[in-house]
Amino acid sequence: MSYDRATVERLIPTIWDRTYAYGMANPYAPDPDMPKSKPNVSHGNTLFAHLIDVRTAWDKATLNDDERRAMLLYYAVDLTQEAVAAYEGVSQQTISARLFTGVGQLAAELNGTEFIEEEAELDASASVC
């Protein structure tokens, strides 16, 4: 499986809060009011494998202390980028760059690739258009 930025960002809070995953919905689960049917094993739930992967990537990724701190404050403590910037004594743009690089490095670690910031910025700008 290939991890994209959105999936990685959704999984990051589970690094610090083990109970966070219990609130995550399984997109393949049937509606609660539907009758029971045989599950489709080809669409099995891989959530717990993803949780292990993202925690392992956090330990292995080449994140610097500034990126790790920004990600902790933003994704675990749930501060805004502006609040993180004020706490760190830097601009909001600096925090945004740290978060962008941090998530990109985690995704690269999860995908077994190397994070190249210039290519990631091009991909991000192309998806906005």
Protein backbone atom coordinates (compact mmCIF):
# COMPACT_ATOMS: atom_id res chain seq x y z
CA MET A 1 0.00 0.00 0.00
CA SER A 2 1.13 3.51 -0.76
CA TYR A 3 0.66 6.14 1.94
CA ASP A 4 -0.43 9.58 0.79
CA ARG A 5 -0.18 12.79 2.80
CA ALA A 6 -3.86 12.79 3.79
CA THR A 7 -3.66 9.27 5.22
CA VAL A 8 -0.47 10.07 7.12
CA GLU A 9 -1.98 13.25 8.57
CA ARG A 10 -5.04 11.27 9.67
CA LEU A 11 -2.85 8.70 11.43
CA ILE A 12 -0.34 11.04 13.11
CA PRO A 13 -2.42 11.72 16.27
CA THR A 14 -2.41 7.98 17.02
CA ILE A 15 1.33 8.16 17.70
CA TRP A 16 0.62 9.81 21.05
CA ASP A 17 -2.99 8.82 21.80
CA ARG A 18 -3.53 5.07 21.61
CA THR A 19 -7.32 5.48 22.03
CA TYR A 20 -7.62 7.90 19.08
CA ALA A 21 -8.12 5.00 16.65
CA TYR A 22 -11.31 3.90 18.39
CA GLY A 23 -13.08 6.96 17.03
CA MET A 24 -11.95 6.30 13.46
CA ALA A 25 -14.60 4.93 11.12
CA ASN A 26 -14.02 1.97 8.85
CA PRO A 27 -14.98 3.19 5.34
CA TYR A 28 -15.80 -0.40 4.33
CA ALA A 29 -18.13 -1.15 7.25
CA PRO A 30 -21.81 -1.62 6.39
CA ASP A 31 -24.39 0.83 7.64
CA PRO A 32 -25.53 -0.11 11.16
CA ASP A 33 -29.15 -0.54 9.98
CA MET A 34 -28.22 -2.96 7.18
CA PRO A 35 -28.78 -6.69 7.61
CA LYS A 36 -25.73 -8.81 8.37
CA SER A 37 -23.90 -10.16 5.35
CA LYS A 38 -20.72 -12.02 4.61
CA PRO A 39 -17.70 -9.65 4.81
CA ASN A 40 -15.66 -8.87 1.73
CA VAL A 41 -12.18 -10.02 2.74
CA SER A 42 -10.57 -8.16 -0.16
CA HIS A 43 -11.53 -4.95 1.64
CA GLY A 44 -10.30 -6.04 5.06
CA ASN A 45 -9.60 -3.51 7.76
CA THR A 46 -5.93 -2.56 7.74
CA LEU A 47 -6.26 0.20 10.35
CA PHE A 48 -4.18 -1.53 13.00
CA ALA A 49 -1.39 -2.25 10.54
CA HIS A 50 -1.40 1.44 9.60
CA LEU A 51 -1.19 2.42 13.28
CA ILE A 52 1.87 0.26 13.78
CA ASP A 53 3.43 1.55 10.56
CA VAL A 54 3.04 5.23 11.48
CA ARG A 55 4.48 4.71 14.97
CA THR A 56 7.45 2.87 13.48
CA ALA A 57 7.91 5.60 10.88
CA TRP A 58 7.93 8.23 13.66
CA ASP A 59 10.83 6.42 15.31
CA LYS A 60 12.78 5.84 12.08
CA ALA A 61 12.19 9.03 10.08
CA THR A 62 14.97 11.61 9.89
CA LEU A 63 12.92 14.37 11.48
CA ASN A 64 14.77 17.11 13.31
CA ASP A 65 13.70 18.31 16.76
CA ASP A 66 11.92 21.40 15.38
CA GLU A 67 9.78 19.26 13.04
CA ARG A 68 9.00 16.74 15.78
CA ARG A 69 8.02 19.49 18.22
CA ALA A 70 5.83 21.26 15.64
CA MET A 71 4.09 18.00 14.77
CA LEU A 72 3.56 17.14 18.44
CA LEU A 73 2.06 20.54 19.24
CA TYR A 74 -0.10 20.64 16.10
CA TYR A 75 -1.31 17.04 15.81
CA ALA A 76 -1.25 15.81 19.43
CA VAL A 77 -1.90 18.94 21.49
CA ASP A 78 -4.20 20.30 18.75
CA LEU A 79 -2.83 23.84 18.76
CA THR A 80 -3.30 26.02 15.69
CA GLN A 81 -0.29 26.79 13.53
CA GLU A 82 -0.40 30.35 14.85
CA ALA A 83 -0.31 29.14 18.46
CA VAL A 84 2.57 26.77 17.72
CA ALA A 85 4.41 29.63 16.01
CA ALA A 86 3.91 31.89 19.04
CA TYR A 87 5.14 29.15 21.38
CA GLU A 88 8.19 28.48 19.22
CA GLY A 89 8.90 32.18 18.59
CA VAL A 90 8.81 31.82 14.80
CA SER A 91 6.40 32.73 12.01
CA GLN A 92 3.34 30.70 11.05
CA GLN A 93 4.97 30.06 7.66
CA THR A 94 7.93 28.42 9.41
CA ILE A 95 5.58 26.10 11.30
CA SER A 96 3.70 25.32 8.10
CA ALA A 97 6.99 24.40 6.42
CA ARG A 98 8.02 22.21 9.37
CA LEU A 99 4.68 20.38 9.26
CA PHE A 100 4.85 19.97 5.48
CA THR A 101 8.37 18.56 5.67
CA GLY A 102 7.58 16.37 8.68
CA VAL A 103 4.51 14.78 7.09
CA GLY A 104 6.43 14.33 3.84
CA GLN A 105 9.28 12.59 5.63
CA LEU A 106 6.87 10.27 7.45
CA ALA A 107 5.11 9.42 4.19
CA ALA A 108 8.45 8.77 2.49
CA GLU A 109 9.52 6.50 5.35
CA LEU A 110 6.23 4.61 5.14
CA ASN A 111 6.55 4.22 1.37
CA GLY A 112 10.22 3.24 1.52
CA THR A 113 11.27 6.22 -0.57
CA GLU A 114 13.41 9.28 -0.02
CA PHE A 115 11.74 12.61 0.75
CA ILE A 116 12.77 15.30 -1.72
CA GLU A 117 11.27 18.61 -0.69
CA GLU A 118 11.33 20.23 -4.14
CA GLU A 119 9.39 17.34 -5.71
CA ALA A 120 6.90 17.33 -2.83
CA GLU A 121 6.28 21.07 -3.26
CA LEU A 122 5.67 20.56 -6.98
CA ASP A 123 3.22 17.73 -6.25
CA ALA A 124 1.41 19.83 -3.64
CA SER A 125 1.10 22.83 -5.96
CA ALA A 126 -0.09 20.64 -8.84
CA SER A 127 -2.87 19.12 -6.71
CA VAL A 128 -4.14 22.59 -5.74
CA CYS A 129 -4.75 23.64 -9.35
